[in-house]
Amino acid sequence: MELERLEREAWTRHQVFIKVAVGAEALLRWSLALTPMPLTDALTQLAVRVSERLRQKESVSGTSEWNTFLHTLGPSAGAVIPLLNPQNAEPS
């Protein structure tokens, strides 16, 4: 069944809102749209959690790529970068 039709049928028949997210981008988009957190807080938490998970998995290349990506964001990621590796963060 087509996803849009499935979502529509769930609402029409059962008054249940469902959204099927296919892929990481769609899941992230819906997660950010539905979170009760302010967007900046949600994005900060996302950056921190992704970094933590990459470290848990001991993914050296993944961690390196993620940190490089965050640094390319420039000032918009400035507040997040020190949170990614708290043991190396400089005291304020």
C-alpha atoms as a PDB file:
ATOM      1  CA  MET A   1       0.000   0.000   0.000  1.00  0.00           C
ATOM      2  CA  GLU A   2       1.250   3.492  -0.805  1.00  0.00           C
ATOM      3  CA  LEU A   3       2.500   5.222   2.352  1.00  0.00           C
ATOM      4  CA  GLU A   4       0.353   8.324   1.989  1.00  0.00           C
ATOM      5  CA  ARG A   5      -2.702   6.152   1.513  1.00  0.00           C
ATOM      6  CA  LEU A   6      -1.811   4.071   4.585  1.00  0.00           C
ATOM      7  CA  GLU A   7      -1.443   7.218   6.672  1.00  0.00           C
ATOM      8  CA  ARG A   8      -4.736   8.586   5.345  1.00  0.00           C
ATOM      9  CA  GLU A   9      -6.563   5.293   5.981  1.00  0.00           C
ATOM     10  CA  ALA A  10      -5.294   5.136   9.562  1.00  0.00           C
ATOM     11  CA  TRP A  11      -6.775   8.562  10.168  1.00  0.00           C
ATOM     12  CA  THR A  12     -10.029   7.960   8.282  1.00  0.00           C
ATOM     13  CA  ARG A  13     -10.793   4.569   9.828  1.00  0.00           C
ATOM     14  CA  HIS A  14      -9.331   4.913  13.316  1.00  0.00           C
ATOM     15  CA  GLN A  15      -8.592   8.636  13.893  1.00  0.00           C
ATOM     16  CA  VAL A  16      -4.956   7.685  14.452  1.00  0.00           C
ATOM     17  CA  PHE A  17      -2.225   9.904  13.085  1.00  0.00           C
ATOM     18  CA  ILE A  18       0.744   7.923  11.830  1.00  0.00           C
ATOM     19  CA  LYS A  19       3.712   9.038   9.838  1.00  0.00           C
ATOM     20  CA  VAL A  20       5.975   6.508   8.184  1.00  0.00           C
ATOM     21  CA  ALA A  21       9.500   7.879   7.944  1.00  0.00           C
ATOM     22  CA  VAL A  22      11.649   6.234   5.299  1.00  0.00           C
ATOM     23  CA  GLY A  23      15.328   7.026   5.754  1.00  0.00           C
ATOM     24  CA  ALA A  24      17.369   8.934   8.282  1.00  0.00           C
ATOM     25  CA  GLU A  25      16.597  12.350   6.790  1.00  0.00           C
ATOM     26  CA  ALA A  26      12.828  11.854   7.026  1.00  0.00           C
ATOM     27  CA  LEU A  27      13.117  10.464  10.556  1.00  0.00           C
ATOM     28  CA  LEU A  28      15.243  13.407  11.670  1.00  0.00           C
ATOM     29  CA  ARG A  29      12.887  15.895  10.020  1.00  0.00           C
ATOM     30  CA  TRP A  30       9.850  14.453  11.844  1.00  0.00           C
ATOM     31  CA  SER A  31      11.712  14.105  15.123  1.00  0.00           C
ATOM     32  CA  LEU A  32      12.694  17.762  15.036  1.00  0.00           C
ATOM     33  CA  ALA A  33       9.190  18.804  14.032  1.00  0.00           C
ATOM     34  CA  LEU A  34       7.550  16.873  16.871  1.00  0.00           C
ATOM     35  CA  THR A  35       9.968  17.484  19.724  1.00  0.00           C
ATOM     36  CA  PRO A  36       8.727  19.756  22.510  1.00  0.00           C
ATOM     37  CA  MET A  37      12.297  21.071  22.878  1.00  0.00           C
ATOM     38  CA  PRO A  38      13.354  24.372  21.340  1.00  0.00           C
ATOM     39  CA  LEU A  39      15.029  23.677  17.988  1.00  0.00           C
ATOM     40  CA  THR A  40      18.462  24.883  19.114  1.00  0.00           C
ATOM     41  CA  ASP A  41      18.327  22.577  22.157  1.00  0.00           C
ATOM     42  CA  ALA A  42      17.219  19.634  20.024  1.00  0.00           C
ATOM     43  CA  LEU A  43      20.019  20.203  17.507  1.00  0.00           C
ATOM     44  CA  THR A  44      22.570  20.533  20.304  1.00  0.00           C
ATOM     45  CA  GLN A  45      21.376  17.273  21.852  1.00  0.00           C
ATOM     46  CA  LEU A  46      21.534  15.584  18.459  1.00  0.00           C
ATOM     47  CA  ALA A  47      25.136  16.677  17.903  1.00  0.00           C
ATOM     48  CA  VAL A  48      26.162  15.536  21.385  1.00  0.00           C
ATOM     49  CA  ARG A  49      24.348  12.192  21.163  1.00  0.00           C
ATOM     50  CA  VAL A  50      25.747  11.372  17.717  1.00  0.00           C
ATOM     51  CA  SER A  51      29.236  12.137  19.000  1.00  0.00           C
ATOM     52  CA  GLU A  52      28.700   9.972  22.090  1.00  0.00           C
ATOM     53  CA  ARG A  53      27.411   7.084  20.008  1.00  0.00           C
ATOM     54  CA  LEU A  54      30.330   7.259  17.573  1.00  0.00           C
ATOM     55  CA  ARG A  55      32.740   7.168  20.523  1.00  0.00           C
ATOM     56  CA  GLN A  56      30.875   4.181  22.042  1.00  0.00           C
ATOM     57  CA  LYS A  57      31.224   2.318  18.766  1.00  0.00           C
ATOM     58  CA  GLU A  58      34.897   3.376  18.659  1.00  0.00           C
ATOM     59  CA  SER A  59      34.378   4.684  15.143  1.00  0.00           C
ATOM     60  CA  VAL A  60      37.509   6.726  14.567  1.00  0.00           C
ATOM     61  CA  SER A  61      36.661   7.632  10.965  1.00  0.00           C
ATOM     62  CA  GLY A  62      33.007   8.355  11.807  1.00  0.00           C
ATOM     63  CA  THR A  63      33.975  10.546  14.746  1.00  0.00           C
ATOM     64  CA  SER A  64      36.520  12.387  12.639  1.00  0.00           C
ATOM     65  CA  GLU A  65      34.014  12.974   9.813  1.00  0.00           C
ATOM     66  CA  TRP A  66      31.331  14.122  12.269  1.00  0.00           C
ATOM     67  CA  ASN A  67      33.662  16.562  14.021  1.00  0.00           C
ATOM     68  CA  THR A  68      34.903  17.903  10.686  1.00  0.00           C
ATOM     69  CA  PHE A  69      31.298  18.410   9.570  1.00  0.00           C
ATOM     70  CA  LEU A  70      30.434  20.291  12.762  1.00  0.00           C
ATOM     71  CA  HIS A  71      33.492  22.499  12.406  1.00  0.00           C
ATOM     72  CA  THR A  72      32.468  23.359   8.814  1.00  0.00           C
ATOM     73  CA  LEU A  73      29.239  24.789  10.210  1.00  0.00           C
ATOM     74  CA  GLY A  74      31.313  27.586  11.665  1.00  0.00           C
ATOM     75  CA  PRO A  75      29.832  29.904  14.295  1.00  0.00           C
ATOM     76  CA  SER A  76      26.451  28.167  14.176  1.00  0.00           C
ATOM     77  CA  ALA A  77      28.049  25.091  15.783  1.00  0.00           C
ATOM     78  CA  GLY A  78      30.350  27.055  18.085  1.00  0.00           C
ATOM     79  CA  ALA A  79      28.325  26.359  21.218  1.00  0.00           C
ATOM     80  CA  VAL A  80      28.104  22.642  20.480  1.00  0.00           C
ATOM     81  CA  ILE A  81      31.740  21.802  19.733  1.00  0.00           C
ATOM     82  CA  PRO A  82      33.031  22.087  23.348  1.00  0.00           C
ATOM     83  CA  LEU A  83      30.270  19.713  24.480  1.00  0.00           C
ATOM     84  CA  LEU A  84      31.425  16.960  22.139  1.00  0.00           C
ATOM     85  CA  ASN A  85      34.567  16.143  24.069  1.00  0.00           C
ATOM     86  CA  PRO A  86      34.090  17.544  27.592  1.00  0.00           C
ATOM     87  CA  GLN A  87      37.347  16.085  28.974  1.00  0.00           C
ATOM     88  CA  ASN A  88      39.299  18.225  26.486  1.00  0.00           C
ATOM     89  CA  ALA A  89      37.168  21.356  26.706  1.00  0.00           C
ATOM     90  CA  GLU A  90      38.957  24.455  27.892  1.00  0.00           C
ATOM     91  CA  PRO A  91      37.579  25.953  31.117  1.00  0.00           C
ATOM     92  CA  SER A  92      35.678  29.192  30.613  1.00  0.00           C
END
